[in-house]
Amino acid sequence: MTYIEFKNEDIARIAQATQGSQQEWDRVWEGVRSKLSATVSEALDALTGSSLEERSSQYHQKTQQYTGQLQSQMNAVRNVGNIAVDTNQQMSRVIRG
């Protein structure tokens, strides 16, 4: 019998799908970066105040940070699920006597 249930499968699936998309995002970014001409790159440098390489580095840093946060969330969700399972087992033992 289940007394407490957390439906966390969807959260874990979303997190896994998002992590799986990271490589695709990286390919898109690298494709855009490789197609920019030197003139466009210089114009963007002047407009944004940072070079294409700096923006690329920032992108990768933010992607890694997001992925780390996502992994932490997945771990937290898994822990909550484990706590629910343990609690259910303990409650069942107490009720059975």
PDB file of N, CA and C in Angstrom:
ATOM      1  N   MET A   1       0.843  -1.172   0.000  1.00  0.00           N
ATOM      2  CA  MET A   1       0.000   0.000   0.000  1.00  0.00           C
ATOM      3  C   MET A   1       0.891   1.238   0.000  1.00  0.00           C
ATOM      4  N   THR A   2       0.536   2.235  -0.776  1.00  0.00           N
ATOM      5  CA  THR A   2       1.308   3.468  -0.870  1.00  0.00           C
ATOM      6  C   THR A   2       0.572   4.580  -0.130  1.00  0.00           C
ATOM      7  N   TYR A   3       1.260   5.183   0.815  1.00  0.00           N
ATOM      8  CA  TYR A   3       0.674   6.267   1.601  1.00  0.00           C
ATOM      9  C   TYR A   3       1.105   7.633   1.070  1.00  0.00           C
ATOM     10  N   ILE A   4       2.347   7.711   0.642  1.00  0.00           N
ATOM     11  CA  ILE A   4       2.894   8.958   0.103  1.00  0.00           C
ATOM     12  C   ILE A   4       3.483   8.635  -1.263  1.00  0.00           C
ATOM     13  N   GLU A   5       3.156   9.447  -2.256  1.00  0.00           N
ATOM     14  CA  GLU A   5       3.687   9.202  -3.596  1.00  0.00           C
ATOM     15  C   GLU A   5       4.054  10.535  -4.240  1.00  0.00           C
ATOM     16  N   PHE A   6       5.247  10.597  -4.782  1.00  0.00           N
ATOM     17  CA  PHE A   6       5.704  11.770  -5.516  1.00  0.00           C
ATOM     18  C   PHE A   6       5.838  11.356  -6.976  1.00  0.00           C
ATOM     19  N   LYS A   7       5.160  12.046  -7.831  1.00  0.00           N
ATOM     20  CA  LYS A   7       5.223  11.763  -9.263  1.00  0.00           C
ATOM     21  C   LYS A   7       6.363  12.590  -9.846  1.00  0.00           C
ATOM     22  N   ASN A   8       7.563  12.050  -9.750  1.00  0.00           N
ATOM     23  CA  ASN A   8       8.732  12.807 -10.189  1.00  0.00           C
ATOM     24  C   ASN A   8       9.339  12.277 -11.486  1.00  0.00           C
ATOM     25  N   GLU A   9       8.704  11.303 -12.115  1.00  0.00           N
ATOM     26  CA  GLU A   9       9.253  10.739 -13.341  1.00  0.00           C
ATOM     27  C   GLU A   9       9.328  11.793 -14.447  1.00  0.00           C
ATOM     28  N   ASP A  10       8.297  12.636 -14.546  1.00  0.00           N
ATOM     29  CA  ASP A  10       8.286  13.672 -15.584  1.00  0.00           C
ATOM     30  C   ASP A  10       9.447  14.642 -15.405  1.00  0.00           C
ATOM     31  N   ILE A  11       9.730  15.013 -14.169  1.00  0.00           N
ATOM     32  CA  ILE A  11      10.826  15.935 -13.900  1.00  0.00           C
ATOM     33  C   ILE A  11      12.147  15.315 -14.349  1.00  0.00           C
ATOM     34  N   ALA A  12      12.362  14.066 -14.016  1.00  0.00           N
ATOM     35  CA  ALA A  12      13.596  13.393 -14.400  1.00  0.00           C
ATOM     36  C   ALA A  12      13.691  13.264 -15.918  1.00  0.00           C
ATOM     37  N   ARG A  13      12.570  12.950 -16.588  1.00  0.00           N
ATOM     38  CA  ARG A  13      12.578  12.829 -18.054  1.00  0.00           C
ATOM     39  C   ARG A  13      12.918  14.158 -18.715  1.00  0.00           C
ATOM     40  N   ILE A  14      12.333  15.235 -18.217  1.00  0.00           N
ATOM     41  CA  ILE A  14      12.605  16.569 -18.770  1.00  0.00           C
ATOM     42  C   ILE A  14      14.077  16.917 -18.574  1.00  0.00           C
ATOM     43  N   ALA A  15      14.598  16.646 -17.395  1.00  0.00           N
ATOM     44  CA  ALA A  15      16.001  16.946 -17.117  1.00  0.00           C
ATOM     45  C   ALA A  15      16.919  16.150 -18.042  1.00  0.00           C
ATOM     46  N   GLN A  16      16.622  14.878 -18.246  1.00  0.00           N
ATOM     47  CA  GLN A  16      17.458  14.058 -19.126  1.00  0.00           C
ATOM     48  C   GLN A  16      17.382  14.543 -20.567  1.00  0.00           C
ATOM     49  N   ALA A  17      16.198  14.903 -21.024  1.00  0.00           N
ATOM     50  CA  ALA A  17      16.036  15.399 -22.392  1.00  0.00           C
ATOM     51  C   ALA A  17      16.791  16.708 -22.577  1.00  0.00           C
ATOM     52  N   THR A  18      16.721  17.574 -21.573  1.00  0.00           N
ATOM     53  CA  THR A  18      17.416  18.851 -21.652  1.00  0.00           C
ATOM     54  C   THR A  18      18.918  18.636 -21.690  1.00  0.00           C
ATOM     55  N   GLN A  19      19.421  17.746 -20.857  1.00  0.00           N
ATOM     56  CA  GLN A  19      20.853  17.453 -20.894  1.00  0.00           C
ATOM     57  C   GLN A  19      21.251  16.860 -22.231  1.00  0.00           C
ATOM     58  N   GLY A  20      20.404  16.019 -22.783  1.00  0.00           N
ATOM     59  CA  GLY A  20      20.694  15.424 -24.079  1.00  0.00           C
ATOM     60  C   GLY A  20      20.738  16.448 -25.192  1.00  0.00           C
ATOM     61  N   SER A  21      20.027  17.557 -25.016  1.00  0.00           N
ATOM     62  CA  SER A  21      19.992  18.613 -26.029  1.00  0.00           C
ATOM     63  C   SER A  21      21.222  19.507 -25.987  1.00  0.00           C
ATOM     64  N   GLN A  22      21.991  19.442 -24.937  1.00  0.00           N
ATOM     65  CA  GLN A  22      23.137  20.341 -24.795  1.00  0.00           C
ATOM     66  C   GLN A  22      24.093  20.206 -25.976  1.00  0.00           C
ATOM     67  N   GLN A  23      24.391  18.998 -26.409  1.00  0.00           N
ATOM     68  CA  GLN A  23      25.297  18.812 -27.537  1.00  0.00           C
ATOM     69  C   GLN A  23      24.723  19.438 -28.802  1.00  0.00           C
ATOM     70  N   GLU A  24      23.412  19.319 -28.980  1.00  0.00           N
ATOM     71  CA  GLU A  24      22.779  19.929 -30.149  1.00  0.00           C
ATOM     72  C   GLU A  24      22.906  21.450 -30.095  1.00  0.00           C
ATOM     73  N   TRP A  25      22.686  22.045 -28.914  1.00  0.00           N
ATOM     74  CA  TRP A  25      22.829  23.490 -28.763  1.00  0.00           C
ATOM     75  C   TRP A  25      24.262  23.916 -29.087  1.00  0.00           C
ATOM     76  N   ASP A  26      25.222  23.131 -28.607  1.00  0.00           N
ATOM     77  CA  ASP A  26      26.624  23.438 -28.871  1.00  0.00           C
ATOM     78  C   ASP A  26      26.918  23.402 -30.371  1.00  0.00           C
ATOM     79  N   ARG A  27      26.373  22.415 -31.080  1.00  0.00           N
ATOM     80  CA  ARG A  27      26.586  22.328 -32.537  1.00  0.00           C
ATOM     81  C   ARG A  27      25.978  23.536 -33.246  1.00  0.00           C
ATOM     82  N   VAL A  28      24.790  23.942 -32.826  1.00  0.00           N
ATOM     83  CA  VAL A  28      24.141  25.112 -33.435  1.00  0.00           C
ATOM     84  C   VAL A  28      24.999  26.350 -33.212  1.00  0.00           C
ATOM     85  N   TRP A  29      25.447  26.544 -31.991  1.00  0.00           N
ATOM     86  CA  TRP A  29      26.263  27.710 -31.671  1.00  0.00           C
ATOM     87  C   TRP A  29      27.551  27.716 -32.490  1.00  0.00           C
ATOM     88  N   GLU A  30      28.215  26.589 -32.551  1.00  0.00           N
ATOM     89  CA  GLU A  30      29.466  26.507 -33.307  1.00  0.00           C
ATOM     90  C   GLU A  30      29.210  26.728 -34.795  1.00  0.00           C
ATOM     91  N   GLY A  31      28.079  26.252 -35.303  1.00  0.00           N
ATOM     92  CA  GLY A  31      27.736  26.489 -36.703  1.00  0.00           C
ATOM     93  C   GLY A  31      27.541  27.959 -36.994  1.00  0.00           C
ATOM     94  N   VAL A  32      26.820  28.647 -36.126  1.00  0.00           N
ATOM     95  CA  VAL A  32      26.605  30.086 -36.300  1.00  0.00           C
ATOM     96  C   VAL A  32      27.939  30.828 -36.206  1.00  0.00           C
ATOM     97  N   ARG A  33      28.716  30.456 -35.231  1.00  0.00           N
ATOM     98  CA  ARG A  33      30.002  31.134 -35.009  1.00  0.00           C
ATOM     99  C   ARG A  33      30.923  30.947 -36.208  1.00  0.00           C
ATOM    100  N   SER A  34      30.942  29.754 -36.770  1.00  0.00           N
ATOM    101  CA  SER A  34      31.855  29.490 -37.888  1.00  0.00           C
ATOM    102  C   SER A  34      31.414  30.194 -39.170  1.00  0.00           C
ATOM    103  N   LYS A  35      30.118  30.522 -39.285  1.00  0.00           N
ATOM    104  CA  LYS A  35      29.618  31.167 -40.501  1.00  0.00           C
ATOM    105  C   LYS A  35      29.731  32.690 -40.473  1.00  0.00           C
ATOM    106  N   LEU A  36      29.997  33.260 -39.323  1.00  0.00           N
ATOM    107  CA  LEU A  36      30.115  34.716 -39.245  1.00  0.00           C
ATOM    108  C   LEU A  36      31.390  35.167 -39.950  1.00  0.00           C
ATOM    109  N   SER A  37      31.263  36.157 -40.788  1.00  0.00           N
ATOM    110  CA  SER A  37      32.445  36.690 -41.460  1.00  0.00           C
ATOM    111  C   SER A  37      33.208  37.583 -40.494  1.00  0.00           C
ATOM    112  N   ALA A  38      34.432  37.882 -40.840  1.00  0.00           N
ATOM    113  CA  ALA A  38      35.258  38.749 -39.994  1.00  0.00           C
ATOM    114  C   ALA A  38      34.604  40.108 -39.835  1.00  0.00           C
ATOM    115  N   THR A  39      33.981  40.628 -40.884  1.00  0.00           N
ATOM    116  CA  THR A  39      33.335  41.950 -40.827  1.00  0.00           C
ATOM    117  C   THR A  39      32.172  41.933 -39.837  1.00  0.00           C
ATOM    118  N   VAL A  40      31.332  40.912 -39.941  1.00  0.00           N
ATOM    119  CA  VAL A  40      30.192  40.798 -39.029  1.00  0.00           C
ATOM    120  C   VAL A  40      30.692  40.618 -37.600  1.00  0.00           C
ATOM    121  N   SER A  41      31.718  39.799 -37.441  1.00  0.00           N
ATOM    122  CA  SER A  41      32.281  39.571 -36.117  1.00  0.00           C
ATOM    123  C   SER A  41      32.806  40.859 -35.515  1.00  0.00           C
ATOM    124  N   GLU A  42      33.497  41.665 -36.323  1.00  0.00           N
ATOM    125  CA  GLU A  42      34.017  42.951 -35.827  1.00  0.00           C
ATOM    126  C   GLU A  42      32.876  43.890 -35.449  1.00  0.00           C
ATOM    127  N   ALA A  43      31.810  43.904 -36.255  1.00  0.00           N
ATOM    128  CA  ALA A  43      30.662  44.765 -35.958  1.00  0.00           C
ATOM    129  C   ALA A  43      30.004  44.332 -34.639  1.00  0.00           C
ATOM    130  N   LEU A  44      29.862  43.020 -34.444  1.00  0.00           N
ATOM    131  CA  LEU A  44      29.289  42.530 -33.191  1.00  0.00           C
ATOM    132  C   LEU A  44      30.203  42.854 -32.010  1.00  0.00           C
ATOM    133  N   ASP A  45      31.503  42.749 -32.222  1.00  0.00           N
ATOM    134  CA  ASP A  45      32.454  43.092 -31.159  1.00  0.00           C
ATOM    135  C   ASP A  45      32.244  44.539 -30.726  1.00  0.00           C
ATOM    136  N   ALA A  46      32.135  45.438 -31.721  1.00  0.00           N
ATOM    137  CA  ALA A  46      31.952  46.861 -31.420  1.00  0.00           C
ATOM    138  C   ALA A  46      30.604  47.102 -30.757  1.00  0.00           C
ATOM    139  N   LEU A  47      29.581  46.417 -31.236  1.00  0.00           N
ATOM    140  CA  LEU A  47      28.221  46.613 -30.711  1.00  0.00           C
ATOM    141  C   LEU A  47      28.080  46.090 -29.286  1.00  0.00           C
ATOM    142  N   THR A  48      28.638  44.914 -29.007  1.00  0.00           N
ATOM    143  CA  THR A  48      28.443  44.280 -27.702  1.00  0.00           C
ATOM    144  C   THR A  48      29.569  44.560 -26.716  1.00  0.00           C
ATOM    145  N   GLY A  49      30.715  44.988 -27.211  1.00  0.00           N
ATOM    146  CA  GLY A  49      31.846  45.242 -26.321  1.00  0.00           C
ATOM    147  C   GLY A  49      32.606  43.989 -25.934  1.00  0.00           C
ATOM    148  N   SER A  50      32.263  42.859 -26.547  1.00  0.00           N
ATOM    149  CA  SER A  50      33.007  41.633 -26.276  1.00  0.00           C
ATOM    150  C   SER A  50      33.208  40.874 -27.587  1.00  0.00           C
ATOM    151  N   SER A  51      34.293  40.150 -27.655  1.00  0.00           N
ATOM    152  CA  SER A  51      34.612  39.427 -28.879  1.00  0.00           C
ATOM    153  C   SER A  51      33.743  38.181 -29.011  1.00  0.00           C
ATOM    154  N   LEU A  52      33.744  37.637 -30.206  1.00  0.00           N
ATOM    155  CA  LEU A  52      33.010  36.405 -30.452  1.00  0.00           C
ATOM    156  C   LEU A  52      33.550  35.280 -29.581  1.00  0.00           C
ATOM    157  N   GLU A  53      34.845  35.247 -29.399  1.00  0.00           N
ATOM    158  CA  GLU A  53      35.442  34.224 -28.539  1.00  0.00           C
ATOM    159  C   GLU A  53      34.996  34.393 -27.084  1.00  0.00           C
ATOM    160  N   GLU A  54      34.921  35.643 -26.630  1.00  0.00           N
ATOM    161  CA  GLU A  54      34.452  35.896 -25.256  1.00  0.00           C
ATOM    162  C   GLU A  54      32.992  35.467 -25.094  1.00  0.00           C
ATOM    163  N   ARG A  55      32.162  35.796 -26.094  1.00  0.00           N
ATOM    164  CA  ARG A  55      30.747  35.398 -26.030  1.00  0.00           C
ATOM    165  C   ARG A  55      30.614  33.885 -26.101  1.00  0.00           C
ATOM    166  N   SER A  56      31.459  33.259 -26.896  1.00  0.00           N
ATOM    167  CA  SER A  56      31.438  31.800 -26.979  1.00  0.00           C
ATOM    168  C   SER A  56      31.813  31.183 -25.637  1.00  0.00           C
ATOM    169  N   SER A  57      32.819  31.737 -25.006  1.00  0.00           N
ATOM    170  CA  SER A  57      33.250  31.248 -23.691  1.00  0.00           C
ATOM    171  C   SER A  57      32.133  31.433 -22.658  1.00  0.00           C
ATOM    172  N   GLN A  58      31.481  32.597 -22.695  1.00  0.00           N
ATOM    173  CA  GLN A  58      30.370  32.859 -21.768  1.00  0.00           C
ATOM    174  C   GLN A  58      29.228  31.878 -22.000  1.00  0.00           C
ATOM    175  N   TYR A  59      28.927  31.604 -23.267  1.00  0.00           N
ATOM    176  CA  TYR A  59      27.874  30.657 -23.600  1.00  0.00           C
ATOM    177  C   TYR A  59      28.184  29.293 -22.997  1.00  0.00           C
ATOM    178  N   HIS A  60      29.406  28.812 -23.211  1.00  0.00           N
ATOM    179  CA  HIS A  60      29.774  27.494 -22.697  1.00  0.00           C
ATOM    180  C   HIS A  60      29.768  27.467 -21.164  1.00  0.00           C
ATOM    181  N   GLN A  61      30.198  28.555 -20.547  1.00  0.00           N
ATOM    182  CA  GLN A  61      30.189  28.631 -19.080  1.00  0.00           C
ATOM    183  C   GLN A  61      28.754  28.565 -18.551  1.00  0.00           C
ATOM    184  N   LYS A  62      27.852  29.316 -19.165  1.00  0.00           N
ATOM    185  CA  LYS A  62      26.452  29.316 -18.725  1.00  0.00           C
ATOM    186  C   LYS A  62      25.799  27.964 -18.982  1.00  0.00           C
ATOM    187  N   THR A  63      26.151  27.333 -20.097  1.00  0.00           N
ATOM    188  CA  THR A  63      25.611  26.013 -20.399  1.00  0.00           C
ATOM    189  C   THR A  63      26.055  25.000 -19.349  1.00  0.00           C
ATOM    190  N   GLN A  64      27.322  25.045 -18.978  1.00  0.00           N
ATOM    191  CA  GLN A  64      27.832  24.136 -17.952  1.00  0.00           C
ATOM    192  C   GLN A  64      27.169  24.396 -16.605  1.00  0.00           C
ATOM    193  N   GLN A  65      26.980  25.670 -16.275  1.00  0.00           N
ATOM    194  CA  GLN A  65      26.325  26.025 -15.012  1.00  0.00           C
ATOM    195  C   GLN A  65      24.886  25.499 -15.005  1.00  0.00           C
ATOM    196  N   TYR A  66      24.165  25.700 -16.095  1.00  0.00           N
ATOM    197  CA  TYR A  66      22.785  25.238 -16.187  1.00  0.00           C
ATOM    198  C   TYR A  66      22.722  23.720 -16.070  1.00  0.00           C
ATOM    199  N   THR A  67      23.631  23.031 -16.755  1.00  0.00           N
ATOM    200  CA  THR A  67      23.658  21.574 -16.700  1.00  0.00           C
ATOM    201  C   THR A  67      23.940  21.095 -15.282  1.00  0.00           C
ATOM    202  N   GLY A  68      24.845  21.772 -14.571  1.00  0.00           N
ATOM    203  CA  GLY A  68      25.132  21.412 -13.182  1.00  0.00           C
ATOM    204  C   GLY A  68      23.918  21.612 -12.286  1.00  0.00           C
ATOM    205  N   GLN A  69      23.215  22.712 -12.497  1.00  0.00           N
ATOM    206  CA  GLN A  69      22.009  22.969 -11.708  1.00  0.00           C
ATOM    207  C   GLN A  69      20.933  21.930 -12.006  1.00  0.00           C
ATOM    208  N   LEU A  70      20.833  21.550 -13.252  1.00  0.00           N
ATOM    209  CA  LEU A  70      19.862  20.542 -13.646  1.00  0.00           C
ATOM    210  C   LEU A  70      20.185  19.204 -12.996  1.00  0.00           C
ATOM    211  N   GLN A  71      21.454  18.855 -12.962  1.00  0.00           N
ATOM    212  CA  GLN A  71      21.876  17.609 -12.324  1.00  0.00           C
ATOM    213  C   GLN A  71      21.545  17.644 -10.831  1.00  0.00           C
ATOM    214  N   SER A  72      21.771  18.784 -10.186  1.00  0.00           N
ATOM    215  CA  SER A  72      21.432  18.923  -8.764  1.00  0.00           C
ATOM    216  C   SER A  72      19.937  18.745  -8.530  1.00  0.00           C
ATOM    217  N   GLN A  73      19.126  19.319  -9.427  1.00  0.00           N
ATOM    218  CA  GLN A  73      17.679  19.172  -9.302  1.00  0.00           C
ATOM    219  C   GLN A  73      17.261  17.712  -9.474  1.00  0.00           C
ATOM    220  N   MET A  74      17.881  17.039 -10.437  1.00  0.00           N
ATOM    221  CA  MET A  74      17.560  15.624 -10.637  1.00  0.00           C
ATOM    222  C   MET A  74      17.907  14.813  -9.384  1.00  0.00           C
ATOM    223  N   ASN A  75      19.039  15.103  -8.785  1.00  0.00           N
ATOM    224  CA  ASN A  75      19.436  14.398  -7.565  1.00  0.00           C
ATOM    225  C   ASN A  75      18.463  14.672  -6.431  1.00  0.00           C
ATOM    226  N   ALA A  76      18.026  15.926  -6.307  1.00  0.00           N
ATOM    227  CA  ALA A  76      17.072  16.285  -5.254  1.00  0.00           C
ATOM    228  C   ALA A  76      15.745  15.546  -5.462  1.00  0.00           C
ATOM    229  N   VAL A  77      15.286  15.493  -6.702  1.00  0.00           N
ATOM    230  CA  VAL A  77      14.036  14.794  -7.007  1.00  0.00           C
ATOM    231  C   VAL A  77      14.179  13.314  -6.663  1.00  0.00           C
ATOM    232  N   ARG A  78      15.304  12.722  -7.021  1.00  0.00           N
ATOM    233  CA  ARG A  78      15.537  11.309  -6.709  1.00  0.00           C
ATOM    234  C   ARG A  78      15.528  11.099  -5.199  1.00  0.00           C
ATOM    235  N   ASN A  79      16.150  12.010  -4.448  1.00  0.00           N
ATOM    236  CA  ASN A  79      16.178  11.892  -2.985  1.00  0.00           C
ATOM    237  C   ASN A  79      14.780  11.980  -2.383  1.00  0.00           C
ATOM    238  N   VAL A  80      13.967  12.884  -2.895  1.00  0.00           N
ATOM    239  CA  VAL A  80      12.593  13.007  -2.399  1.00  0.00           C
ATOM    240  C   VAL A  80      11.835  11.708  -2.665  1.00  0.00           C
ATOM    241  N   GLY A  81      12.016  11.145  -3.849  1.00  0.00           N
ATOM    242  CA  GLY A  81      11.374   9.875  -4.164  1.00  0.00           C
ATOM    243  C   GLY A  81      11.818   8.761  -3.233  1.00  0.00           C
ATOM    244  N   ASN A  82      13.122   8.705  -2.946  1.00  0.00           N
ATOM    245  CA  ASN A  82      13.637   7.691  -2.027  1.00  0.00           C
ATOM    246  C   ASN A  82      13.073   7.858  -0.619  1.00  0.00           C
ATOM    247  N   ILE A  83      12.951   9.098  -0.186  1.00  0.00           N
ATOM    248  CA  ILE A  83      12.377   9.373   1.138  1.00  0.00           C
ATOM    249  C   ILE A  83      10.924   8.904   1.182  1.00  0.00           C
ATOM    250  N   ALA A  84      10.185   9.157   0.098  1.00  0.00           N
ATOM    251  CA  ALA A  84       8.780   8.721   0.053  1.00  0.00           C
ATOM    252  C   ALA A  84       8.689   7.201   0.130  1.00  0.00           C
ATOM    253  N   VAL A  85       9.550   6.500  -0.595  1.00  0.00           N
ATOM    254  CA  VAL A  85       9.541   5.036  -0.564  1.00  0.00           C
ATOM    255  C   VAL A  85       9.852   4.536   0.840  1.00  0.00           C
ATOM    256  N   ASP A  86      10.892   5.086   1.455  1.00  0.00           N
ATOM    257  CA  ASP A  86      11.268   4.684   2.817  1.00  0.00           C
ATOM    258  C   ASP A  86      10.142   4.959   3.812  1.00  0.00           C
ATOM    259  N   THR A  87       9.521   6.133   3.687  1.00  0.00           N
ATOM    260  CA  THR A  87       8.436   6.501   4.589  1.00  0.00           C
ATOM    261  C   THR A  87       7.257   5.541   4.433  1.00  0.00           C
ATOM    262  N   ASN A  88       6.927   5.219   3.187  1.00  0.00           N
ATOM    263  CA  ASN A  88       5.833   4.270   2.941  1.00  0.00           C
ATOM    264  C   ASN A  88       6.127   2.921   3.573  1.00  0.00           C
ATOM    265  N   GLN A  89       7.345   2.445   3.432  1.00  0.00           N
ATOM    266  CA  GLN A  89       7.710   1.152   4.009  1.00  0.00           C
ATOM    267  C   GLN A  89       7.610   1.186   5.533  1.00  0.00           C
ATOM    268  N   GLN A  90       8.089   2.255   6.135  1.00  0.00           N
ATOM    269  CA  GLN A  90       8.028   2.372   7.592  1.00  0.00           C
ATOM    270  C   GLN A  90       6.587   2.465   8.077  1.00  0.00           C
ATOM    271  N   MET A  91       5.760   3.250   7.370  1.00  0.00           N
ATOM    272  CA  MET A  91       4.362   3.384   7.762  1.00  0.00           C
ATOM    273  C   MET A  91       3.645   2.041   7.639  1.00  0.00           C
ATOM    274  N   SER A  92       3.924   1.290   6.596  1.00  0.00           N
ATOM    275  CA  SER A  92       3.310  -0.031   6.424  1.00  0.00           C
ATOM    276  C   SER A  92       3.698  -0.965   7.555  1.00  0.00           C
ATOM    277  N   ARG A  93       4.967  -0.916   7.969  1.00  0.00           N
ATOM    278  CA  ARG A  93       5.416  -1.772   9.085  1.00  0.00           C
ATOM    279  C   ARG A  93       4.713  -1.399  10.384  1.00  0.00           C
ATOM    280  N   VAL A  94       4.571  -0.099  10.610  1.00  0.00           N
ATOM    281  CA  VAL A  94       3.918   0.364  11.835  1.00  0.00           C
ATOM    282  C   VAL A  94       2.440  -0.045  11.830  1.00  0.00           C
ATOM    283  N   ILE A  95       1.781   0.116  10.712  1.00  0.00           N
ATOM    284  CA  ILE A  95       0.355  -0.213  10.638  1.00  0.00           C
ATOM    285  C   ILE A  95       0.138  -1.725  10.807  1.00  0.00           C
ATOM    286  N   ARG A  96       1.037  -2.518  10.208  1.00  0.00           N
ATOM    287  CA  ARG A  96       0.899  -3.972  10.327  1.00  0.00           C
ATOM    288  C   ARG A  96       1.181  -4.434  11.768  1.00  0.00           C
ATOM    289  N   GLY A  97       1.950  -3.636  12.451  1.00  0.00           N
ATOM    290  CA  GLY A  97       2.214  -3.971  13.853  1.00  0.00           C
ATOM    291  C   GLY A  97       3.381  -4.787  13.989  1.00  0.00           C
TER     292      GLY A  97
END
